[in-house]
Amino acid sequence: LSRLGFLGYMLPQIIQNHKKRTAEALSNTFLNLSLFLTTLDMISAWCLQWGWPNQIATPILLLLTITLKLQKKLLTTHHGPLQTVDYELQQHLQNKSI
C-alpha cells in the first residue's frame, strides 16, 4: 500500500513538470536522498527476497525518481524561471479565448 502512495505522488509531479516545462519546485536534496534510499530499498527487496509487490514496485519507483532527477537537470539547464511565467500567460490567454 505504501508503494502505491509513492507511485501516486510522483506521476502527477512528472506530468506537471512536463506541462509547465519547469522543475524548479523540486529540491535537489530531496531527489538525491530519494534516489539513494530507493536504490537501497531495491537492493534490500531483492537480496532479502521480500514479496513480489516490493520486488516489482522498487524498480518502478527508482525509474520514476530518475525521471524526476533528469527533469530537474534538463528543464533547469535549458529553461529559466521565466518559463513558468510564459506557461501561466499562455494559460490565461487560452482561457480568455474560450
N, C-alpha and C. Protein backbone atom coordinates (compact mmCIF):
# COMPACT_ATOMS: atom_id res chain seq x y z
N LEU A 1 0.83 -1.19 0.00
CA LEU A 1 0.00 0.00 0.00
C LEU A 1 0.88 1.26 0.00
N SER A 2 1.95 1.23 0.77
CA SER A 2 2.83 2.41 0.79
C SER A 2 3.52 2.60 -0.56
N ARG A 3 3.79 1.50 -1.25
CA ARG A 3 4.41 1.60 -2.58
C ARG A 3 3.49 2.35 -3.55
N LEU A 4 2.20 2.08 -3.47
CA LEU A 4 1.25 2.77 -4.34
C LEU A 4 1.22 4.27 -4.03
N GLY A 5 1.37 4.60 -2.76
CA GLY A 5 1.42 6.00 -2.38
C GLY A 5 2.61 6.71 -2.99
N PHE A 6 3.76 6.05 -2.98
CA PHE A 6 4.96 6.65 -3.58
C PHE A 6 4.79 6.80 -5.09
N LEU A 7 4.21 5.79 -5.71
CA LEU A 7 3.98 5.88 -7.15
C LEU A 7 2.95 6.97 -7.45
N GLY A 8 1.98 7.11 -6.58
CA GLY A 8 0.91 8.08 -6.77
C GLY A 8 1.36 9.53 -6.68
N TYR A 9 2.38 9.80 -5.89
CA TYR A 9 2.79 11.21 -5.77
C TYR A 9 3.78 11.60 -6.86
N MET A 10 4.47 10.66 -7.44
CA MET A 10 5.46 11.01 -8.46
C MET A 10 4.85 11.25 -9.83
N LEU A 11 3.89 10.46 -10.20
CA LEU A 11 3.32 10.59 -11.54
C LEU A 11 2.71 11.97 -11.81
N PRO A 12 1.87 12.51 -10.92
CA PRO A 12 1.36 13.86 -11.20
C PRO A 12 2.47 14.92 -11.27
N GLN A 13 3.52 14.75 -10.46
CA GLN A 13 4.64 15.71 -10.49
C GLN A 13 5.36 15.65 -11.83
N ILE A 14 5.57 14.46 -12.35
CA ILE A 14 6.24 14.30 -13.65
C ILE A 14 5.39 14.94 -14.75
N ILE A 15 4.09 14.70 -14.71
CA ILE A 15 3.19 15.25 -15.72
C ILE A 15 3.15 16.78 -15.63
N GLN A 16 3.06 17.30 -14.42
CA GLN A 16 3.01 18.75 -14.22
C GLN A 16 4.32 19.41 -14.67
N ASN A 17 5.45 18.80 -14.37
CA ASN A 17 6.74 19.34 -14.82
C ASN A 17 6.78 19.40 -16.34
N HIS A 18 6.29 18.35 -16.98
CA HIS A 18 6.30 18.30 -18.44
C HIS A 18 5.39 19.37 -19.03
N LYS A 19 4.20 19.54 -18.43
CA LYS A 19 3.26 20.54 -18.93
C LYS A 19 3.81 21.96 -18.79
N LYS A 20 4.37 22.25 -17.63
CA LYS A 20 4.87 23.60 -17.37
C LYS A 20 6.27 23.84 -17.91
N ARG A 21 6.94 22.76 -18.32
CA ARG A 21 8.32 22.84 -18.84
C ARG A 21 9.28 23.43 -17.81
N THR A 22 9.04 23.12 -16.54
CA THR A 22 9.92 23.56 -15.48
C THR A 22 9.89 22.54 -14.35
N ALA A 23 10.99 22.47 -13.63
CA ALA A 23 11.08 21.55 -12.48
C ALA A 23 11.70 22.28 -11.30
N GLU A 24 11.45 23.57 -11.21
CA GLU A 24 12.05 24.37 -10.15
C GLU A 24 11.53 24.03 -8.77
N ALA A 25 10.34 23.44 -8.69
CA ALA A 25 9.76 23.12 -7.39
C ALA A 25 10.45 21.94 -6.72
N LEU A 26 11.23 21.20 -7.47
CA LEU A 26 11.89 20.02 -6.92
C LEU A 26 13.19 20.39 -6.22
N SER A 27 13.41 19.79 -5.08
CA SER A 27 14.63 20.03 -4.32
C SER A 27 15.68 19.00 -4.70
N ASN A 28 16.88 19.47 -5.00
CA ASN A 28 17.98 18.54 -5.31
C ASN A 28 18.29 17.63 -4.14
N THR A 29 18.22 18.16 -2.94
CA THR A 29 18.49 17.35 -1.75
C THR A 29 17.47 16.22 -1.64
N PHE A 30 16.20 16.54 -1.82
CA PHE A 30 15.15 15.52 -1.77
C PHE A 30 15.36 14.47 -2.85
N LEU A 31 15.66 14.90 -4.07
CA LEU A 31 15.84 13.95 -5.17
C LEU A 31 17.05 13.05 -4.94
N ASN A 32 18.15 13.61 -4.47
CA ASN A 32 19.34 12.80 -4.21
C ASN A 32 19.09 11.79 -3.09
N LEU A 33 18.45 12.24 -2.03
CA LEU A 33 18.14 11.35 -0.91
C LEU A 33 17.16 10.27 -1.35
N SER A 34 16.16 10.65 -2.10
CA SER A 34 15.18 9.68 -2.59
C SER A 34 15.83 8.66 -3.51
N LEU A 35 16.72 9.10 -4.37
CA LEU A 35 17.42 8.19 -5.27
C LEU A 35 18.28 7.21 -4.49
N PHE A 36 18.99 7.70 -3.50
CA PHE A 36 19.85 6.85 -2.67
C PHE A 36 19.02 5.83 -1.89
N LEU A 37 17.96 6.29 -1.24
CA LEU A 37 17.15 5.39 -0.41
C LEU A 37 16.36 4.39 -1.25
N THR A 38 15.90 4.82 -2.42
CA THR A 38 15.18 3.90 -3.30
C THR A 38 16.12 2.82 -3.83
N THR A 39 17.35 3.18 -4.11
CA THR A 39 18.33 2.19 -4.56
C THR A 39 18.60 1.17 -3.45
N LEU A 40 18.78 1.65 -2.23
CA LEU A 40 18.98 0.72 -1.10
C LEU A 40 17.76 -0.15 -0.88
N ASP A 41 16.58 0.43 -1.03
CA ASP A 41 15.35 -0.31 -0.85
C ASP A 41 15.22 -1.40 -1.91
N MET A 42 15.60 -1.10 -3.14
CA MET A 42 15.53 -2.10 -4.21
C MET A 42 16.51 -3.24 -3.96
N ILE A 43 17.71 -2.91 -3.52
CA ILE A 43 18.69 -3.94 -3.21
C ILE A 43 18.18 -4.83 -2.08
N SER A 44 17.60 -4.22 -1.06
CA SER A 44 17.04 -4.99 0.07
C SER A 44 15.91 -5.90 -0.39
N ALA A 45 15.03 -5.37 -1.25
CA ALA A 45 13.89 -6.15 -1.72
C ALA A 45 14.33 -7.41 -2.44
N TRP A 46 15.38 -7.31 -3.22
CA TRP A 46 15.83 -8.47 -3.99
C TRP A 46 16.74 -9.38 -3.16
N CYS A 47 17.63 -8.83 -2.37
CA CYS A 47 18.55 -9.66 -1.59
C CYS A 47 17.85 -10.39 -0.44
N LEU A 48 16.89 -9.73 0.18
CA LEU A 48 16.19 -10.34 1.31
C LEU A 48 14.92 -11.06 0.88
N GLN A 49 14.70 -11.11 -0.44
CA GLN A 49 13.57 -11.82 -1.03
C GLN A 49 12.24 -11.40 -0.40
N TRP A 50 12.02 -10.07 -0.39
CA TRP A 50 10.73 -9.58 0.06
C TRP A 50 9.68 -10.02 -0.95
N GLY A 51 8.44 -9.80 -0.68
CA GLY A 51 7.36 -10.24 -1.57
C GLY A 51 7.46 -9.61 -2.95
N TRP A 52 6.77 -10.22 -3.90
CA TRP A 52 6.86 -9.73 -5.28
C TRP A 52 6.34 -8.31 -5.45
N PRO A 53 5.37 -7.81 -4.65
CA PRO A 53 4.99 -6.41 -4.84
C PRO A 53 6.17 -5.45 -4.62
N ASN A 54 6.99 -5.75 -3.61
CA ASN A 54 8.17 -4.91 -3.36
C ASN A 54 9.22 -5.08 -4.44
N GLN A 55 9.38 -6.29 -4.92
CA GLN A 55 10.39 -6.53 -5.95
C GLN A 55 10.01 -5.89 -7.28
N ILE A 56 8.73 -5.70 -7.51
CA ILE A 56 8.28 -5.05 -8.75
C ILE A 56 8.21 -3.54 -8.57
N ALA A 57 7.71 -3.10 -7.42
CA ALA A 57 7.48 -1.66 -7.22
C ALA A 57 8.77 -0.86 -7.06
N THR A 58 9.79 -1.44 -6.42
CA THR A 58 11.00 -0.65 -6.18
C THR A 58 11.74 -0.27 -7.47
N PRO A 59 11.86 -1.16 -8.47
CA PRO A 59 12.49 -0.70 -9.72
C PRO A 59 11.66 0.38 -10.43
N ILE A 60 10.33 0.26 -10.36
CA ILE A 60 9.47 1.28 -10.96
C ILE A 60 9.68 2.61 -10.25
N LEU A 61 9.72 2.55 -8.93
CA LEU A 61 9.95 3.76 -8.13
C LEU A 61 11.32 4.37 -8.44
N LEU A 62 12.31 3.52 -8.63
CA LEU A 62 13.65 4.01 -8.98
C LEU A 62 13.63 4.71 -10.35
N LEU A 63 12.93 4.13 -11.31
CA LEU A 63 12.83 4.75 -12.63
C LEU A 63 12.10 6.10 -12.57
N LEU A 64 11.06 6.18 -11.76
CA LEU A 64 10.34 7.44 -11.61
C LEU A 64 11.21 8.50 -10.94
N THR A 65 11.99 8.07 -9.95
CA THR A 65 12.90 9.00 -9.28
C THR A 65 13.97 9.51 -10.25
N ILE A 66 14.49 8.61 -11.06
CA ILE A 66 15.48 9.00 -12.08
C ILE A 66 14.85 9.96 -13.08
N THR A 67 13.59 9.71 -13.45
CA THR A 67 12.88 10.61 -14.36
C THR A 67 12.76 12.00 -13.77
N LEU A 68 12.40 12.10 -12.49
CA LEU A 68 12.32 13.41 -11.84
C LEU A 68 13.69 14.09 -11.79
N LYS A 69 14.72 13.31 -11.51
CA LYS A 69 16.08 13.85 -11.46
C LYS A 69 16.50 14.40 -12.83
N LEU A 70 16.19 13.64 -13.88
CA LEU A 70 16.51 14.10 -15.24
C LEU A 70 15.70 15.34 -15.62
N GLN A 71 14.42 15.36 -15.23
CA GLN A 71 13.62 16.54 -15.50
C GLN A 71 14.21 17.76 -14.81
N LYS A 72 14.62 17.59 -13.58
CA LYS A 72 15.22 18.71 -12.84
C LYS A 72 16.47 19.21 -13.55
N LYS A 73 17.30 18.28 -13.99
CA LYS A 73 18.56 18.65 -14.65
C LYS A 73 18.30 19.30 -16.01
N LEU A 74 17.48 18.69 -16.83
CA LEU A 74 17.26 19.18 -18.18
C LEU A 74 16.42 20.46 -18.23
N LEU A 75 15.35 20.49 -17.46
CA LEU A 75 14.47 21.65 -17.51
C LEU A 75 15.08 22.86 -16.82
N THR A 76 15.90 22.64 -15.81
CA THR A 76 16.55 23.75 -15.12
C THR A 76 17.69 24.29 -15.97
N THR A 77 18.37 23.42 -16.70
CA THR A 77 19.50 23.83 -17.52
C THR A 77 19.06 24.62 -18.75
N HIS A 78 17.99 24.16 -19.39
CA HIS A 78 17.60 24.76 -20.67
C HIS A 78 16.53 25.84 -20.55
N HIS A 79 15.87 25.92 -19.43
CA HIS A 79 14.80 26.91 -19.29
C HIS A 79 15.01 27.68 -17.99
N GLY A 80 14.82 28.95 -18.07
CA GLY A 80 14.96 29.79 -16.89
C GLY A 80 13.64 29.93 -16.15
N PRO A 81 13.63 30.75 -15.10
CA PRO A 81 12.42 30.95 -14.31
C PRO A 81 11.30 31.63 -15.09
N LEU A 82 11.62 32.30 -16.20
CA LEU A 82 10.57 32.95 -16.97
C LEU A 82 9.69 31.95 -17.70
N GLN A 83 10.14 30.73 -17.82
CA GLN A 83 9.35 29.70 -18.50
C GLN A 83 8.01 29.51 -17.79
N THR A 84 7.98 29.57 -16.46
CA THR A 84 6.75 29.43 -15.70
C THR A 84 5.81 30.58 -16.02
N VAL A 85 6.33 31.79 -16.10
CA VAL A 85 5.52 32.95 -16.44
C VAL A 85 4.92 32.78 -17.83
N ASP A 86 5.71 32.29 -18.78
CA ASP A 86 5.21 32.04 -20.13
C ASP A 86 4.06 31.05 -20.12
N TYR A 87 4.17 30.00 -19.33
CA TYR A 87 3.12 28.99 -19.24
C TYR A 87 1.85 29.61 -18.67
N GLU A 88 1.98 30.38 -17.60
CA GLU A 88 0.82 30.99 -16.97
C GLU A 88 0.17 32.00 -17.91
N LEU A 89 0.95 32.76 -18.65
CA LEU A 89 0.41 33.70 -19.61
C LEU A 89 -0.31 32.96 -20.72
N GLN A 90 0.26 31.89 -21.19
CA GLN A 90 -0.36 31.09 -22.23
C GLN A 90 -1.70 30.53 -21.74
N GLN A 91 -1.75 30.03 -20.51
CA GLN A 91 -2.99 29.51 -19.95
C GLN A 91 -4.03 30.62 -19.83
N HIS A 92 -3.61 31.79 -19.42
CA HIS A 92 -4.52 32.93 -19.28
C HIS A 92 -5.11 33.31 -20.64
N LEU A 93 -4.28 33.36 -21.66
CA LEU A 93 -4.74 33.72 -22.99
C LEU A 93 -5.68 32.66 -23.57
N GLN A 94 -5.40 31.40 -23.28
CA GLN A 94 -6.29 30.33 -23.75
C GLN A 94 -7.64 30.43 -23.06
N ASN A 95 -7.67 30.75 -21.79
CA ASN A 95 -8.92 30.87 -21.06
C ASN A 95 -9.75 32.05 -21.55
N LYS A 96 -9.10 33.11 -21.96
CA LYS A 96 -9.82 34.28 -22.48
C LYS A 96 -10.43 33.99 -23.85
N SER A 97 -9.76 33.17 -24.64
CA SER A 97 -10.26 32.87 -25.99
C SER A 97 -11.43 31.89 -25.96
N ILE A 98 -11.61 31.20 -24.86
CA ILE A 98 -12.70 30.21 -24.77
C ILE A 98 -14.00 30.85 -24.48
